[in-house]
Amino acid sequence: MSDKIIHTSSGISLTTALTILFVTLKLLGKITWSWWWVLSPLWISAAITLSFLLLFFGIALLVLIFNNK
C-alpha cells in the first residue's frame, strides 16, 4: 500500500500581493507612479522567469550540440 501525499497551495504570491497593493494605492491617489511602475511586479517576475527559461534552453541546446560532435 502506497501513501500519497498531496500538497496544495493556498493564498497569493508576493507578486500578486504587491500588484494589488500598488494598484490600490494608485487608484486611491496615494502614489503618483506611472502605471509601468505600478504593474512592475508583474513584468519583473515575467522577465525573471523568461530569463531562467532562456538560460535553461540555451544550456540544453549547447549540451546537445557538443554531445553530437
PDB file of N, CA and C in Angstrom:
ATOM      1  N   MET A   1       0.847  -1.177   0.000  1.00  0.00           N
ATOM      2  CA  MET A   1       0.000   0.000   0.000  1.00  0.00           C
ATOM      3  C   MET A   1       0.887   1.233   0.000  1.00  0.00           C
ATOM      4  N   SER A   2       0.656   2.104  -0.924  1.00  0.00           N
ATOM      5  CA  SER A   2       1.472   3.313  -1.003  1.00  0.00           C
ATOM      6  C   SER A   2       0.667   4.507  -0.482  1.00  0.00           C
ATOM      7  N   ASP A   3       1.348   5.307   0.291  1.00  0.00           N
ATOM      8  CA  ASP A   3       0.724   6.525   0.806  1.00  0.00           C
ATOM      9  C   ASP A   3       1.102   7.679  -0.101  1.00  0.00           C
ATOM     10  N   LYS A   4       0.107   8.364  -0.577  1.00  0.00           N
ATOM     11  CA  LYS A   4       0.359   9.522  -1.424  1.00  0.00           C
ATOM     12  C   LYS A   4       0.137  10.786  -0.619  1.00  0.00           C
ATOM     13  N   ILE A   5       1.086  11.681  -0.716  1.00  0.00           N
ATOM     14  CA  ILE A   5       0.968  12.963  -0.047  1.00  0.00           C
ATOM     15  C   ILE A   5       0.667  14.007  -1.106  1.00  0.00           C
ATOM     16  N   ILE A   6      -0.404  14.714  -0.915  1.00  0.00           N
ATOM     17  CA  ILE A   6      -0.806  15.741  -1.860  1.00  0.00           C
ATOM     18  C   ILE A   6      -0.620  17.090  -1.194  1.00  0.00           C
ATOM     19  N   HIS A   7       0.184  17.926  -1.833  1.00  0.00           N
ATOM     20  CA  HIS A   7       0.425  19.264  -1.326  1.00  0.00           C
ATOM     21  C   HIS A   7      -0.414  20.250  -2.134  1.00  0.00           C
ATOM     22  N   THR A   8      -1.112  21.077  -1.438  1.00  0.00           N
ATOM     23  CA  THR A   8      -1.875  22.126  -2.108  1.00  0.00           C
ATOM     24  C   THR A   8      -1.412  23.474  -1.585  1.00  0.00           C
ATOM     25  N   SER A   9      -1.500  24.439  -2.445  1.00  0.00           N
ATOM     26  CA  SER A   9      -1.088  25.787  -2.086  1.00  0.00           C
ATOM     27  C   SER A   9      -2.313  26.671  -1.970  1.00  0.00           C
ATOM     28  N   SER A  10      -2.343  27.436  -0.913  1.00  0.00           N
ATOM     29  CA  SER A  10      -3.428  28.390  -0.776  1.00  0.00           C
ATOM     30  C   SER A  10      -2.831  29.751  -0.473  1.00  0.00           C
ATOM     31  N   GLY A  11      -3.552  30.764  -0.830  1.00  0.00           N
ATOM     32  CA  GLY A  11      -3.034  32.105  -0.622  1.00  0.00           C
ATOM     33  C   GLY A  11      -2.556  32.706  -1.929  1.00  0.00           C
ATOM     34  N   ILE A  12      -1.959  33.892  -1.817  1.00  0.00           N
ATOM     35  CA  ILE A  12      -1.499  34.581  -3.013  1.00  0.00           C
ATOM     36  C   ILE A  12       0.012  34.751  -2.943  1.00  0.00           C
ATOM     37  N   SER A  13       0.598  34.931  -4.090  1.00  0.00           N
ATOM     38  CA  SER A  13       2.044  35.096  -4.157  1.00  0.00           C
ATOM     39  C   SER A  13       2.446  36.527  -3.807  1.00  0.00           C
ATOM     40  N   LEU A  14       3.722  36.706  -3.590  1.00  0.00           N
ATOM     41  CA  LEU A  14       4.246  38.040  -3.298  1.00  0.00           C
ATOM     42  C   LEU A  14       3.995  38.978  -4.469  1.00  0.00           C
ATOM     43  N   THR A  15       4.167  38.481  -5.674  1.00  0.00           N
ATOM     44  CA  THR A  15       3.930  39.291  -6.869  1.00  0.00           C
ATOM     45  C   THR A  15       2.487  39.778  -6.931  1.00  0.00           C
ATOM     46  N   THR A  16       1.550  38.890  -6.682  1.00  0.00           N
ATOM     47  CA  THR A  16       0.136  39.254  -6.708  1.00  0.00           C
ATOM     48  C   THR A  16      -0.189  40.257  -5.606  1.00  0.00           C
ATOM     49  N   ALA A  17       0.337  40.018  -4.411  1.00  0.00           N
ATOM     50  CA  ALA A  17       0.070  40.921  -3.286  1.00  0.00           C
ATOM     51  C   ALA A  17       0.611  42.321  -3.568  1.00  0.00           C
ATOM     52  N   LEU A  18       1.838  42.404  -4.093  1.00  0.00           N
ATOM     53  CA  LEU A  18       2.407  43.709  -4.409  1.00  0.00           C
ATOM     54  C   LEU A  18       1.623  44.421  -5.501  1.00  0.00           C
ATOM     55  N   THR A  19       1.198  43.677  -6.511  1.00  0.00           N
ATOM     56  CA  THR A  19       0.427  44.276  -7.598  1.00  0.00           C
ATOM     57  C   THR A  19      -0.899  44.830  -7.081  1.00  0.00           C
ATOM     58  N   ILE A  20      -1.584  44.048  -6.274  1.00  0.00           N
ATOM     59  CA  ILE A  20      -2.857  44.525  -5.700  1.00  0.00           C
ATOM     60  C   ILE A  20      -2.623  45.754  -4.838  1.00  0.00           C
ATOM     61  N   LEU A  21      -1.579  45.728  -4.023  1.00  0.00           N
ATOM     62  CA  LEU A  21      -1.262  46.870  -3.167  1.00  0.00           C
ATOM     63  C   LEU A  21      -0.963  48.124  -3.988  1.00  0.00           C
ATOM     64  N   PHE A  22      -0.092  47.989  -4.997  1.00  0.00           N
ATOM     65  CA  PHE A  22       0.290  49.142  -5.813  1.00  0.00           C
ATOM     66  C   PHE A  22      -0.895  49.697  -6.601  1.00  0.00           C
ATOM     67  N   VAL A  23      -1.730  48.830  -7.166  1.00  0.00           N
ATOM     68  CA  VAL A  23      -2.901  49.289  -7.925  1.00  0.00           C
ATOM     69  C   VAL A  23      -3.876  50.015  -6.996  1.00  0.00           C
ATOM     70  N   THR A  24      -4.086  49.450  -5.812  1.00  0.00           N
ATOM     71  CA  THR A  24      -4.982  50.098  -4.847  1.00  0.00           C
ATOM     72  C   THR A  24      -4.467  51.472  -4.457  1.00  0.00           C
ATOM     73  N   LEU A  25      -3.175  51.570  -4.151  1.00  0.00           N
ATOM     74  CA  LEU A  25      -2.592  52.862  -3.783  1.00  0.00           C
ATOM     75  C   LEU A  25      -2.668  53.860  -4.933  1.00  0.00           C
ATOM     76  N   LYS A  26      -2.473  53.382  -6.154  1.00  0.00           N
ATOM     77  CA  LYS A  26      -2.556  54.257  -7.328  1.00  0.00           C
ATOM     78  C   LYS A  26      -3.992  54.770  -7.518  1.00  0.00           C
ATOM     79  N   LEU A  27      -4.969  53.889  -7.407  1.00  0.00           N
ATOM     80  CA  LEU A  27      -6.356  54.282  -7.604  1.00  0.00           C
ATOM     81  C   LEU A  27      -6.861  55.205  -6.499  1.00  0.00           C
ATOM     82  N   LEU A  28      -6.300  55.060  -5.303  1.00  0.00           N
ATOM     83  CA  LEU A  28      -6.684  55.943  -4.197  1.00  0.00           C
ATOM     84  C   LEU A  28      -5.932  57.268  -4.220  1.00  0.00           C
ATOM     85  N   GLY A  29      -4.976  57.394  -5.130  1.00  0.00           N
ATOM     86  CA  GLY A  29      -4.219  58.633  -5.250  1.00  0.00           C
ATOM     87  C   GLY A  29      -3.109  58.794  -4.227  1.00  0.00           C
ATOM     88  N   LYS A  30      -2.736  57.700  -3.560  1.00  0.00           N
ATOM     89  CA  LYS A  30      -1.681  57.758  -2.541  1.00  0.00           C
ATOM     90  C   LYS A  30      -0.286  57.759  -3.148  1.00  0.00           C
ATOM     91  N   ILE A  31      -0.151  57.215  -4.340  1.00  0.00           N
ATOM     92  CA  ILE A  31       1.126  57.242  -5.059  1.00  0.00           C
ATOM     93  C   ILE A  31       0.879  57.831  -6.445  1.00  0.00           C
ATOM     94  N   THR A  32       1.882  58.477  -6.984  1.00  0.00           N
ATOM     95  CA  THR A  32       1.735  59.109  -8.305  1.00  0.00           C
ATOM     96  C   THR A  32       2.654  58.458  -9.333  1.00  0.00           C
ATOM     97  N   TRP A  33       2.957  57.193  -9.117  1.00  0.00           N
ATOM     98  CA  TRP A  33       3.817  56.468 -10.041  1.00  0.00           C
ATOM     99  C   TRP A  33       3.104  56.281 -11.378  1.00  0.00           C
ATOM    100  N   SER A  34       3.910  56.076 -12.427  1.00  0.00           N
ATOM    101  CA  SER A  34       3.303  55.713 -13.711  1.00  0.00           C
ATOM    102  C   SER A  34       2.798  54.275 -13.607  1.00  0.00           C
ATOM    103  N   TRP A  35       1.906  53.901 -14.521  1.00  0.00           N
ATOM    104  CA  TRP A  35       1.358  52.551 -14.497  1.00  0.00           C
ATOM    105  C   TRP A  35       2.429  51.507 -14.765  1.00  0.00           C
ATOM    106  N   TRP A  36       3.506  51.881 -15.452  1.00  0.00           N
ATOM    107  CA  TRP A  36       4.621  50.944 -15.666  1.00  0.00           C
ATOM    108  C   TRP A  36       5.182  50.471 -14.338  1.00  0.00           C
ATOM    109  N   TRP A  37       5.359  51.397 -13.390  1.00  0.00           N
ATOM    110  CA  TRP A  37       5.910  51.020 -12.083  1.00  0.00           C
ATOM    111  C   TRP A  37       4.871  50.369 -11.184  1.00  0.00           C
ATOM    112  N   VAL A  38       3.622  50.769 -11.329  1.00  0.00           N
ATOM    113  CA  VAL A  38       2.555  50.143 -10.546  1.00  0.00           C
ATOM    114  C   VAL A  38       2.453  48.657 -10.892  1.00  0.00           C
ATOM    115  N   LEU A  39       2.578  48.354 -12.166  1.00  0.00           N
ATOM    116  CA  LEU A  39       2.475  46.964 -12.618  1.00  0.00           C
ATOM    117  C   LEU A  39       3.833  46.263 -12.692  1.00  0.00           C
ATOM    118  N   SER A  40       4.865  46.889 -12.167  1.00  0.00           N
ATOM    119  CA  SER A  40       6.218  46.319 -12.244  1.00  0.00           C
ATOM    120  C   SER A  40       6.366  44.940 -11.605  1.00  0.00           C
ATOM    121  N   PRO A  41       5.669  44.602 -10.517  1.00  0.00           N
ATOM    122  CA  PRO A  41       5.817  43.230 -10.008  1.00  0.00           C
ATOM    123  C   PRO A  41       5.465  42.171 -11.043  1.00  0.00           C
ATOM    124  N   LEU A  42       4.502  42.483 -11.914  1.00  0.00           N
ATOM    125  CA  LEU A  42       4.114  41.516 -12.945  1.00  0.00           C
ATOM    126  C   LEU A  42       5.182  41.367 -14.011  1.00  0.00           C
ATOM    127  N   TRP A  43       5.653  42.496 -14.563  1.00  0.00           N
ATOM    128  CA  TRP A  43       6.606  42.373 -15.662  1.00  0.00           C
ATOM    129  C   TRP A  43       8.007  42.010 -15.177  1.00  0.00           C
ATOM    130  N   ILE A  44       8.361  42.361 -13.954  1.00  0.00           N
ATOM    131  CA  ILE A  44       9.676  41.969 -13.446  1.00  0.00           C
ATOM    132  C   ILE A  44       9.710  40.461 -13.206  1.00  0.00           C
ATOM    133  N   SER A  45       8.655  39.904 -12.604  1.00  0.00           N
ATOM    134  CA  SER A  45       8.636  38.454 -12.386  1.00  0.00           C
ATOM    135  C   SER A  45       8.569  37.696 -13.709  1.00  0.00           C
ATOM    136  N   ALA A  46       7.852  38.240 -14.688  1.00  0.00           N
ATOM    137  CA  ALA A  46       7.801  37.609 -16.009  1.00  0.00           C
ATOM    138  C   ALA A  46       9.172  37.654 -16.678  1.00  0.00           C
ATOM    139  N   ALA A  47       9.880  38.763 -16.534  1.00  0.00           N
ATOM    140  CA  ALA A  47      11.218  38.890 -17.123  1.00  0.00           C
ATOM    141  C   ALA A  47      12.204  37.919 -16.473  1.00  0.00           C
ATOM    142  N   ILE A  48      12.106  37.757 -15.158  1.00  0.00           N
ATOM    143  CA  ILE A  48      12.994  36.813 -14.462  1.00  0.00           C
ATOM    144  C   ILE A  48      12.702  35.385 -14.908  1.00  0.00           C
ATOM    145  N   THR A  49      11.422  35.032 -14.988  1.00  0.00           N
ATOM    146  CA  THR A  49      11.047  33.688 -15.440  1.00  0.00           C
ATOM    147  C   THR A  49      11.527  33.433 -16.864  1.00  0.00           C
ATOM    148  N   LEU A  50      11.331  34.400 -17.749  1.00  0.00           N
ATOM    149  CA  LEU A  50      11.773  34.259 -19.131  1.00  0.00           C
ATOM    150  C   LEU A  50      13.289  34.124 -19.209  1.00  0.00           C
ATOM    151  N   SER A  51      14.018  34.877 -18.381  1.00  0.00           N
ATOM    152  CA  SER A  51      15.483  34.790 -18.368  1.00  0.00           C
ATOM    153  C   SER A  51      15.942  33.400 -17.964  1.00  0.00           C
ATOM    154  N   PHE A  52      15.320  32.834 -16.926  1.00  0.00           N
ATOM    155  CA  PHE A  52      15.686  31.482 -16.498  1.00  0.00           C
ATOM    156  C   PHE A  52      15.371  30.451 -17.579  1.00  0.00           C
ATOM    157  N   LEU A  53      14.228  30.602 -18.237  1.00  0.00           N
ATOM    158  CA  LEU A  53      13.870  29.670 -19.305  1.00  0.00           C
ATOM    159  C   LEU A  53      14.852  29.755 -20.473  1.00  0.00           C
ATOM    160  N   LEU A  54      15.204  30.983 -20.866  1.00  0.00           N
ATOM    161  CA  LEU A  54      16.169  31.147 -21.959  1.00  0.00           C
ATOM    162  C   LEU A  54      17.532  30.581 -21.583  1.00  0.00           C
ATOM    163  N   LEU A  55      17.948  30.796 -20.350  1.00  0.00           N
ATOM    164  CA  LEU A  55      19.219  30.248 -19.886  1.00  0.00           C
ATOM    165  C   LEU A  55      19.184  28.725 -19.901  1.00  0.00           C
ATOM    166  N   PHE A  56      18.103  28.145 -19.384  1.00  0.00           N
ATOM    167  CA  PHE A  56      17.965  26.691 -19.347  1.00  0.00           C
ATOM    168  C   PHE A  56      17.994  26.094 -20.751  1.00  0.00           C
ATOM    169  N   PHE A  57      17.180  26.645 -21.654  1.00  0.00           N
ATOM    170  CA  PHE A  57      17.133  26.099 -23.010  1.00  0.00           C
ATOM    171  C   PHE A  57      18.422  26.389 -23.779  1.00  0.00           C
ATOM    172  N   GLY A  58      19.081  27.502 -23.484  1.00  0.00           N
ATOM    173  CA  GLY A  58      20.379  27.781 -24.106  1.00  0.00           C
ATOM    174  C   GLY A  58      21.420  26.776 -23.695  1.00  0.00           C
ATOM    175  N   ILE A  59      21.471  26.452 -22.411  1.00  0.00           N
ATOM    176  CA  ILE A  59      22.420  25.445 -21.928  1.00  0.00           C
ATOM    177  C   ILE A  59      22.074  24.076 -22.495  1.00  0.00           C
ATOM    178  N   ALA A  60      20.787  23.741 -22.529  1.00  0.00           N
ATOM    179  CA  ALA A  60      20.366  22.454 -23.092  1.00  0.00           C
ATOM    180  C   ALA A  60      20.751  22.348 -24.564  1.00  0.00           C
ATOM    181  N   LEU A  61      20.608  23.440 -25.309  1.00  0.00           N
ATOM    182  CA  LEU A  61      20.994  23.444 -26.719  1.00  0.00           C
ATOM    183  C   LEU A  61      22.494  23.264 -26.875  1.00  0.00           C
ATOM    184  N   LEU A  62      23.279  23.933 -26.043  1.00  0.00           N
ATOM    185  CA  LEU A  62      24.729  23.774 -26.108  1.00  0.00           C
ATOM    186  C   LEU A  62      25.164  22.360 -25.764  1.00  0.00           C
ATOM    187  N   VAL A  63      24.519  21.750 -24.786  1.00  0.00           N
ATOM    188  CA  VAL A  63      24.837  20.369 -24.433  1.00  0.00           C
ATOM    189  C   VAL A  63      24.525  19.450 -25.581  1.00  0.00           C
ATOM    190  N   LEU A  64      23.385  19.654 -26.236  1.00  0.00           N
ATOM    191  CA  LEU A  64      23.020  18.816 -27.381  1.00  0.00           C
ATOM    192  C   LEU A  64      24.012  19.005 -28.538  1.00  0.00           C
ATOM    193  N   ILE A  65      24.418  20.223 -28.784  1.00  0.00           N
ATOM    194  CA  ILE A  65      25.351  20.489 -29.871  1.00  0.00           C
ATOM    195  C   ILE A  65      26.699  19.839 -29.612  1.00  0.00           C
ATOM    196  N   PHE A  66      27.218  20.000 -28.396  1.00  0.00           N
ATOM    197  CA  PHE A  66      28.547  19.459 -28.101  1.00  0.00           C
ATOM    198  C   PHE A  66      28.546  17.967 -27.885  1.00  0.00           C
ATOM    199  N   ASN A  67      27.422  17.360 -27.529  1.00  0.00           N
ATOM    200  CA  ASN A  67      27.353  15.899 -27.391  1.00  0.00           C
ATOM    201  C   ASN A  67      27.243  15.209 -28.730  1.00  0.00           C
ATOM    202  N   ASN A  68      26.795  15.909 -29.759  1.00  0.00           N
ATOM    203  CA  ASN A  68      26.660  15.306 -31.081  1.00  0.00           C
ATOM    204  C   ASN A  68      27.940  15.348 -31.890  1.00  0.00           C
ATOM    205  N   LYS A  69      28.969  16.036 -31.415  1.00  0.00           N
ATOM    206  CA  LYS A  69      30.229  16.125 -32.171  1.00  0.00           C
ATOM    207  C   LYS A  69      31.127  14.960 -31.904  1.00  0.00           C
TER     208      LYS A  69
END
